[in-house]
Amino acid sequence: MRATPDVLQSLAARIREIEASGGTVGRTGFVTPLPLLDVLLKPGVLCAGSLVELLGETDGAGAWTLALFWARHASAERGTLVLVDARGWFYPPAAAALGIDLEQVVLVKPSSRPDCQAALDQSLRCEAVGAVVGCCDRLTAAEAQRLKLAAEAGGGLGLILRPLGAGRGPSFADLRLRVTPLVSRKVVRRVRIEVVRWRGGKEGQSLVVEIDDETGHVRVPAGLAPAAARA
């Protein structure tokens, strides 16, 4: 069948609408706000089915802790949180200090890169999963696009940790954040979170946060809160 002019015009309008919205048409924002991100992305919103990449300058920079912190809030409604932990970073007491219910955690320890990709893909596609956290040192364009489509299909939040150098490679993530460690005290770590890519939003915003390893608190330092809000 040949497409009529009306059908073609309708499709063209639909494509323009999707492009203008950054691919978020038909998706709604999370019912539970994601602390810190709601300040960093203000006045924007991170929609359900989003994929977020956290680019860490070094191991232990705070990206893993931030990912768990946001995953806990994103999975509050559905309950299930999947951790694809190929590096053995998961430490239950630290996760519990962040408020994560360990009985709701599904821990996957893949032994190979294909297994890791499969675990991320299947977990993101599952509608019973609220959030998925995993690490990917390398991603081809096809693999990156597949993860994005999987997140959209499942409707949860995907949080992918990657090295800083991965920022030069292909990405289909809705949001890319650079996590940089700052001079810190012994127990309290300070990190800077910077938006390096945001589909449909403004880039360049940054926010300094504190991670208290004793209490599990993740917060904006009191003296920097007004500046962060203005940014």
C-alpha atoms as a PDB file:
ATOM      1  CA  MET A   1       0.000   0.000   0.000  1.00  0.00           C
ATOM      2  CA  ARG A   2       1.170   3.510  -0.773  1.00  0.00           C
ATOM      3  CA  ALA A   3       1.258   5.980   2.081  1.00  0.00           C
ATOM      4  CA  THR A   4      -1.123   8.881   1.583  1.00  0.00           C
ATOM      5  CA  PRO A   5       0.081  12.479   2.033  1.00  0.00           C
ATOM      6  CA  ASP A   6      -1.887  12.697   5.297  1.00  0.00           C
ATOM      7  CA  VAL A   7      -0.122   9.615   6.707  1.00  0.00           C
ATOM      8  CA  LEU A   8       3.291  10.950   5.690  1.00  0.00           C
ATOM      9  CA  GLN A   9       2.577  14.314   7.289  1.00  0.00           C
ATOM     10  CA  SER A  10       1.422  12.606  10.470  1.00  0.00           C
ATOM     11  CA  LEU A  11       4.586  10.486  10.617  1.00  0.00           C
ATOM     12  CA  ALA A  12       6.785  13.520   9.976  1.00  0.00           C
ATOM     13  CA  ALA A  13       5.087  15.411  12.791  1.00  0.00           C
ATOM     14  CA  ARG A  14       5.542  12.433  15.102  1.00  0.00           C
ATOM     15  CA  ILE A  15       9.260  12.241  14.294  1.00  0.00           C
ATOM     16  CA  ARG A  16       9.698  15.963  14.981  1.00  0.00           C
ATOM     17  CA  GLU A  17       7.887  15.567  18.299  1.00  0.00           C
ATOM     18  CA  ILE A  18      10.139  12.686  19.379  1.00  0.00           C
ATOM     19  CA  GLU A  19      13.313  14.514  18.333  1.00  0.00           C
ATOM     20  CA  ALA A  20      12.275  17.685  20.160  1.00  0.00           C
ATOM     21  CA  SER A  21      11.549  15.768  23.354  1.00  0.00           C
ATOM     22  CA  GLY A  22      14.828  13.872  23.354  1.00  0.00           C
ATOM     23  CA  GLY A  23      13.029  10.556  22.931  1.00  0.00           C
ATOM     24  CA  THR A  24      10.894  10.887  26.058  1.00  0.00           C
ATOM     25  CA  VAL A  25       7.468  11.005  24.396  1.00  0.00           C
ATOM     26  CA  GLY A  26       5.046   8.632  26.080  1.00  0.00           C
ATOM     27  CA  ARG A  27       7.245   8.156  29.143  1.00  0.00           C
ATOM     28  CA  THR A  28       6.511   9.662  32.516  1.00  0.00           C
ATOM     29  CA  GLY A  29       8.829  10.927  35.227  1.00  0.00           C
ATOM     30  CA  PHE A  30       9.632   8.782  38.243  1.00  0.00           C
ATOM     31  CA  VAL A  31       7.033   9.056  40.979  1.00  0.00           C
ATOM     32  CA  THR A  32       9.848   9.014  43.552  1.00  0.00           C
ATOM     33  CA  PRO A  33      12.229  11.967  43.022  1.00  0.00           C
ATOM     34  CA  LEU A  34      15.896  11.087  42.715  1.00  0.00           C
ATOM     35  CA  PRO A  35      17.758  13.170  45.331  1.00  0.00           C
ATOM     36  CA  LEU A  36      20.612  15.327  44.024  1.00  0.00           C
ATOM     37  CA  LEU A  37      19.595  14.683  40.419  1.00  0.00           C
ATOM     38  CA  ASP A  38      16.444  16.752  40.913  1.00  0.00           C
ATOM     39  CA  VAL A  39      18.720  19.644  41.920  1.00  0.00           C
ATOM     40  CA  LEU A  40      21.327  19.032  39.219  1.00  0.00           C
ATOM     41  CA  LEU A  41      18.824  18.703  36.367  1.00  0.00           C
ATOM     42  CA  LYS A  42      16.398  21.352  37.579  1.00  0.00           C
ATOM     43  CA  PRO A  43      13.998  22.224  35.995  1.00  0.00           C
ATOM     44  CA  GLY A  44      14.246  19.043  33.896  1.00  0.00           C
ATOM     45  CA  VAL A  45      13.096  15.541  34.767  1.00  0.00           C
ATOM     46  CA  LEU A  46      14.637  12.110  34.316  1.00  0.00           C
ATOM     47  CA  CYS A  47      11.964   9.872  32.853  1.00  0.00           C
ATOM     48  CA  ALA A  48      11.208   6.231  33.538  1.00  0.00           C
ATOM     49  CA  GLY A  49      13.065   3.986  31.137  1.00  0.00           C
ATOM     50  CA  SER A  50      16.146   6.204  31.185  1.00  0.00           C
ATOM     51  CA  LEU A  51      19.748   5.067  30.878  1.00  0.00           C
ATOM     52  CA  VAL A  52      22.405   6.951  32.851  1.00  0.00           C
ATOM     53  CA  GLU A  53      26.155   6.620  32.413  1.00  0.00           C
ATOM     54  CA  LEU A  54      28.500   7.570  35.256  1.00  0.00           C
ATOM     55  CA  LEU A  55      32.046   8.240  34.069  1.00  0.00           C
ATOM     56  CA  GLY A  56      34.463   7.806  36.960  1.00  0.00           C
ATOM     57  CA  GLU A  57      37.973   9.242  36.854  1.00  0.00           C
ATOM     58  CA  THR A  58      39.289   6.511  39.163  1.00  0.00           C
ATOM     59  CA  ASP A  59      38.019   3.429  40.980  1.00  0.00           C
ATOM     60  CA  GLY A  60      36.581   4.490  44.317  1.00  0.00           C
ATOM     61  CA  ALA A  61      35.772   7.980  43.061  1.00  0.00           C
ATOM     62  CA  GLY A  62      32.193   7.608  44.321  1.00  0.00           C
ATOM     63  CA  ALA A  63      30.382   6.602  41.132  1.00  0.00           C
ATOM     64  CA  TRP A  64      29.423   3.163  42.518  1.00  0.00           C
ATOM     65  CA  THR A  65      28.041   4.684  45.734  1.00  0.00           C
ATOM     66  CA  LEU A  66      26.067   7.312  43.814  1.00  0.00           C
ATOM     67  CA  ALA A  67      24.655   4.647  41.492  1.00  0.00           C
ATOM     68  CA  LEU A  68      23.474   2.556  44.456  1.00  0.00           C
ATOM     69  CA  PHE A  69      22.030   5.669  46.120  1.00  0.00           C
ATOM     70  CA  TRP A  70      19.936   6.572  43.066  1.00  0.00           C
ATOM     71  CA  ALA A  71      19.028   2.949  42.349  1.00  0.00           C
ATOM     72  CA  ARG A  72      17.571   2.592  45.839  1.00  0.00           C
ATOM     73  CA  HIS A  73      15.199   5.511  45.245  1.00  0.00           C
ATOM     74  CA  ALA A  74      14.353   4.478  41.656  1.00  0.00           C
ATOM     75  CA  SER A  75      13.433   0.948  42.763  1.00  0.00           C
ATOM     76  CA  ALA A  76      11.238   2.080  45.670  1.00  0.00           C
ATOM     77  CA  GLU A  77       7.997   1.413  43.762  1.00  0.00           C
ATOM     78  CA  ARG A  78       8.802  -1.905  42.057  1.00  0.00           C
ATOM     79  CA  GLY A  79      11.028  -3.137  44.865  1.00  0.00           C
ATOM     80  CA  THR A  80      13.610  -5.146  42.938  1.00  0.00           C
ATOM     81  CA  LEU A  81      17.142  -3.839  42.403  1.00  0.00           C
ATOM     82  CA  VAL A  82      19.527  -5.775  40.162  1.00  0.00           C
ATOM     83  CA  LEU A  83      23.302  -5.423  40.560  1.00  0.00           C
ATOM     84  CA  VAL A  84      25.432  -6.821  37.747  1.00  0.00           C
ATOM     85  CA  ASP A  85      28.721  -6.893  39.626  1.00  0.00           C
ATOM     86  CA  ALA A  86      31.524  -8.262  37.455  1.00  0.00           C
ATOM     87  CA  ARG A  87      34.214  -6.559  39.585  1.00  0.00           C
ATOM     88  CA  GLY A  88      33.131  -7.723  43.024  1.00  0.00           C
ATOM     89  CA  TRP A  89      32.468  -4.186  44.289  1.00  0.00           C
ATOM     90  CA  PHE A  90      29.219  -4.984  46.123  1.00  0.00           C
ATOM     91  CA  TYR A  91      29.644  -4.757  49.900  1.00  0.00           C
ATOM     92  CA  PRO A  92      26.356  -5.559  51.691  1.00  0.00           C
ATOM     93  CA  PRO A  93      26.971  -3.513  54.884  1.00  0.00           C
ATOM     94  CA  ALA A  94      27.710  -0.380  52.835  1.00  0.00           C
ATOM     95  CA  ALA A  95      24.600  -0.949  50.718  1.00  0.00           C
ATOM     96  CA  ALA A  96      22.481  -1.391  53.852  1.00  0.00           C
ATOM     97  CA  ALA A  97      23.883   1.881  55.224  1.00  0.00           C
ATOM     98  CA  LEU A  98      22.557   3.600  52.086  1.00  0.00           C
ATOM     99  CA  GLY A  99      19.071   2.336  52.961  1.00  0.00           C
ATOM    100  CA  ILE A 100      18.978  -0.539  50.482  1.00  0.00           C
ATOM    101  CA  ASP A 101      16.842  -3.512  51.521  1.00  0.00           C
ATOM    102  CA  LEU A 102      19.189  -6.429  50.854  1.00  0.00           C
ATOM    103  CA  GLU A 103      16.241  -8.822  50.514  1.00  0.00           C
ATOM    104  CA  GLN A 104      15.170  -6.884  47.414  1.00  0.00           C
ATOM    105  CA  VAL A 105      18.597  -7.109  45.752  1.00  0.00           C
ATOM    106  CA  VAL A 106      19.321  -9.570  42.946  1.00  0.00           C
ATOM    107  CA  LEU A 107      23.106  -9.922  42.687  1.00  0.00           C
ATOM    108  CA  VAL A 108      24.545 -11.184  39.401  1.00  0.00           C
ATOM    109  CA  LYS A 109      28.268 -11.984  39.085  1.00  0.00           C
ATOM    110  CA  PRO A 110      28.967 -12.589  35.388  1.00  0.00           C
ATOM    111  CA  SER A 111      32.183 -14.404  34.503  1.00  0.00           C
ATOM    112  CA  SER A 112      32.556 -13.009  30.982  1.00  0.00           C
ATOM    113  CA  ARG A 113      31.807  -9.883  28.983  1.00  0.00           C
ATOM    114  CA  PRO A 114      28.983 -11.556  26.952  1.00  0.00           C
ATOM    115  CA  ASP A 115      27.399 -12.756  30.199  1.00  0.00           C
ATOM    116  CA  CYS A 116      27.589  -9.228  31.598  1.00  0.00           C
ATOM    117  CA  GLN A 117      25.901  -7.752  28.519  1.00  0.00           C
ATOM    118  CA  ALA A 118      23.185 -10.410  28.607  1.00  0.00           C
ATOM    119  CA  ALA A 119      22.522  -9.843  32.312  1.00  0.00           C
ATOM    120  CA  LEU A 120      22.224  -6.084  31.847  1.00  0.00           C
ATOM    121  CA  ASP A 121      19.953  -6.452  28.829  1.00  0.00           C
ATOM    122  CA  GLN A 122      17.572  -8.973  30.410  1.00  0.00           C
ATOM    123  CA  SER A 123      17.425  -7.124  33.746  1.00  0.00           C
ATOM    124  CA  LEU A 124      16.675  -3.777  32.101  1.00  0.00           C
ATOM    125  CA  ARG A 125      13.867  -5.351  30.060  1.00  0.00           C
ATOM    126  CA  CYS A 126      12.149  -6.835  33.111  1.00  0.00           C
ATOM    127  CA  GLU A 127       9.170  -4.732  34.207  1.00  0.00           C
ATOM    128  CA  ALA A 128       9.467  -6.038  37.775  1.00  0.00           C
ATOM    129  CA  VAL A 129      12.872  -4.380  38.165  1.00  0.00           C
ATOM    130  CA  GLY A 130      13.037  -0.785  39.347  1.00  0.00           C
ATOM    131  CA  ALA A 131      16.734  -0.167  38.729  1.00  0.00           C
ATOM    132  CA  VAL A 132      19.790  -1.925  37.333  1.00  0.00           C
ATOM    133  CA  VAL A 133      23.412  -1.083  38.187  1.00  0.00           C
ATOM    134  CA  GLY A 134      26.365  -2.472  36.246  1.00  0.00           C
ATOM    135  CA  CYS A 135      29.833  -1.746  34.878  1.00  0.00           C
ATOM    136  CA  CYS A 136      30.857  -1.630  31.215  1.00  0.00           C
ATOM    137  CA  ASP A 137      34.437  -0.765  30.285  1.00  0.00           C
ATOM    138  CA  ARG A 138      33.743  -1.229  26.577  1.00  0.00           C
ATOM    139  CA  LEU A 139      30.544  -0.764  24.613  1.00  0.00           C
ATOM    140  CA  THR A 140      30.093  -0.913  20.863  1.00  0.00           C
ATOM    141  CA  ALA A 141      27.502   1.365  19.293  1.00  0.00           C
ATOM    142  CA  ALA A 142      25.172  -1.622  18.839  1.00  0.00           C
ATOM    143  CA  GLU A 143      25.591  -2.696  22.471  1.00  0.00           C
ATOM    144  CA  ALA A 144      25.001   0.829  23.759  1.00  0.00           C
ATOM    145  CA  GLN A 145      21.836   1.166  21.683  1.00  0.00           C
ATOM    146  CA  ARG A 146      20.609  -2.237  22.860  1.00  0.00           C
ATOM    147  CA  LEU A 147      20.953  -1.207  26.514  1.00  0.00           C
ATOM    148  CA  LYS A 148      19.014   1.977  25.837  1.00  0.00           C
ATOM    149  CA  LEU A 149      16.195   0.078  24.110  1.00  0.00           C
ATOM    150  CA  ALA A 150      16.151  -2.449  26.954  1.00  0.00           C
ATOM    151  CA  ALA A 151      15.727   0.333  29.534  1.00  0.00           C
ATOM    152  CA  GLU A 152      12.846   1.820  27.564  1.00  0.00           C
ATOM    153  CA  ALA A 153      11.183  -1.587  27.265  1.00  0.00           C
ATOM    154  CA  GLY A 154      11.401  -2.299  30.996  1.00  0.00           C
ATOM    155  CA  GLY A 155      10.599   1.207  32.200  1.00  0.00           C
ATOM    156  CA  GLY A 156      13.105   1.180  35.071  1.00  0.00           C
ATOM    157  CA  LEU A 157      16.349   3.081  35.533  1.00  0.00           C
ATOM    158  CA  GLY A 158      19.658   1.844  34.161  1.00  0.00           C
ATOM    159  CA  LEU A 159      22.858   3.081  35.826  1.00  0.00           C
ATOM    160  CA  ILE A 160      25.995   2.077  33.936  1.00  0.00           C
ATOM    161  CA  LEU A 161      29.454   2.769  35.369  1.00  0.00           C
ATOM    162  CA  ARG A 162      32.184   3.413  32.807  1.00  0.00           C
ATOM    163  CA  PRO A 163      35.774   4.728  32.827  1.00  0.00           C
ATOM    164  CA  LEU A 164      36.352   8.381  31.975  1.00  0.00           C
ATOM    165  CA  GLY A 165      37.882   7.490  28.611  1.00  0.00           C
ATOM    166  CA  ALA A 166      34.576   5.928  27.536  1.00  0.00           C
ATOM    167  CA  GLY A 167      33.193   9.450  27.207  1.00  0.00           C
ATOM    168  CA  ARG A 168      34.823   9.660  23.789  1.00  0.00           C
ATOM    169  CA  GLY A 169      32.972   6.587  22.537  1.00  0.00           C
ATOM    170  CA  PRO A 170      29.398   6.006  21.327  1.00  0.00           C
ATOM    171  CA  SER A 171      26.536   6.464  23.746  1.00  0.00           C
ATOM    172  CA  PHE A 172      22.771   6.237  23.600  1.00  0.00           C
ATOM    173  CA  ALA A 173      22.357   7.164  27.266  1.00  0.00           C
ATOM    174  CA  ASP A 174      19.831   9.831  28.219  1.00  0.00           C
ATOM    175  CA  LEU A 175      22.286  11.279  30.712  1.00  0.00           C
ATOM    176  CA  ARG A 176      26.053  11.174  31.061  1.00  0.00           C
ATOM    177  CA  LEU A 177      27.637  12.273  34.333  1.00  0.00           C
ATOM    178  CA  ARG A 178      31.312  12.763  35.136  1.00  0.00           C
ATOM    179  CA  VAL A 179      32.188  11.908  38.746  1.00  0.00           C
ATOM    180  CA  THR A 180      35.389  13.534  39.992  1.00  0.00           C
ATOM    181  CA  PRO A 181      36.864  13.028  43.498  1.00  0.00           C
ATOM    182  CA  LEU A 182      37.798  16.166  45.437  1.00  0.00           C
ATOM    183  CA  VAL A 183      40.002  16.771  48.453  1.00  0.00           C
ATOM    184  CA  SER A 184      38.168  15.078  51.294  1.00  0.00           C
ATOM    185  CA  ARG A 185      38.306  14.300  54.975  1.00  0.00           C
ATOM    186  CA  LYS A 186      39.094  10.815  56.259  1.00  0.00           C
ATOM    187  CA  VAL A 187      35.537   9.507  56.479  1.00  0.00           C
ATOM    188  CA  VAL A 188      33.596  11.965  54.327  1.00  0.00           C
ATOM    189  CA  ARG A 189      34.338  11.912  50.608  1.00  0.00           C
ATOM    190  CA  ARG A 190      33.607  14.906  48.397  1.00  0.00           C
ATOM    191  CA  VAL A 191      32.907  14.423  44.710  1.00  0.00           C
ATOM    192  CA  ARG A 192      31.843  16.676  41.867  1.00  0.00           C
ATOM    193  CA  ILE A 193      29.031  15.502  39.588  1.00  0.00           C
ATOM    194  CA  GLU A 194      28.991  17.179  36.178  1.00  0.00           C
ATOM    195  CA  VAL A 195      26.478  16.819  33.346  1.00  0.00           C
ATOM    196  CA  VAL A 196      28.490  16.117  30.191  1.00  0.00           C
ATOM    197  CA  ARG A 197      25.534  15.007  28.063  1.00  0.00           C
ATOM    198  CA  TRP A 198      21.804  15.235  28.575  1.00  0.00           C
ATOM    199  CA  ARG A 199      19.329  14.429  25.837  1.00  0.00           C
ATOM    200  CA  GLY A 200      16.872  17.282  25.592  1.00  0.00           C
ATOM    201  CA  GLY A 201      18.453  19.185  28.497  1.00  0.00           C
ATOM    202  CA  LYS A 202      21.228  21.595  29.365  1.00  0.00           C
ATOM    203  CA  GLU A 203      24.794  20.380  29.760  1.00  0.00           C
ATOM    204  CA  GLY A 204      27.597  21.737  31.918  1.00  0.00           C
ATOM    205  CA  GLN A 205      25.817  21.942  35.288  1.00  0.00           C
ATOM    206  CA  SER A 206      27.765  20.576  38.237  1.00  0.00           C
ATOM    207  CA  LEU A 207      27.127  19.793  41.867  1.00  0.00           C
ATOM    208  CA  VAL A 208      29.448  18.961  44.767  1.00  0.00           C
ATOM    209  CA  VAL A 209      28.209  16.262  47.142  1.00  0.00           C
ATOM    210  CA  GLU A 210      29.497  14.560  50.269  1.00  0.00           C
ATOM    211  CA  ILE A 211      29.489  10.797  50.852  1.00  0.00           C
ATOM    212  CA  ASP A 212      29.735   9.810  54.507  1.00  0.00           C
ATOM    213  CA  ASP A 213      31.110   6.277  54.573  1.00  0.00           C
ATOM    214  CA  GLU A 214      30.254   5.815  58.260  1.00  0.00           C
ATOM    215  CA  THR A 215      26.589   6.822  58.147  1.00  0.00           C
ATOM    216  CA  GLY A 216      25.841   6.168  54.461  1.00  0.00           C
ATOM    217  CA  HIS A 217      24.547   9.729  54.011  1.00  0.00           C
ATOM    218  CA  VAL A 218      24.864  11.313  50.565  1.00  0.00           C
ATOM    219  CA  ARG A 219      24.199  15.045  50.674  1.00  0.00           C
ATOM    220  CA  VAL A 220      25.033  18.497  49.357  1.00  0.00           C
ATOM    221  CA  PRO A 221      27.449  20.268  51.745  1.00  0.00           C
ATOM    222  CA  ALA A 222      25.569  22.901  53.730  1.00  0.00           C
ATOM    223  CA  GLY A 223      27.765  25.773  52.573  1.00  0.00           C
ATOM    224  CA  LEU A 224      27.345  24.836  48.906  1.00  0.00           C
ATOM    225  CA  ALA A 225      23.591  24.214  48.845  1.00  0.00           C
ATOM    226  CA  PRO A 226      22.571  27.740  47.699  1.00  0.00           C
ATOM    227  CA  ALA A 227      25.189  27.748  44.925  1.00  0.00           C
ATOM    228  CA  ALA A 228      24.082  24.318  43.744  1.00  0.00           C
ATOM    229  CA  ALA A 229      20.466  25.451  43.596  1.00  0.00           C
ATOM    230  CA  ARG A 230      21.381  28.500  41.497  1.00  0.00           C
ATOM    231  CA  ALA A 231      23.404  26.332  39.128  1.00  0.00           C
END
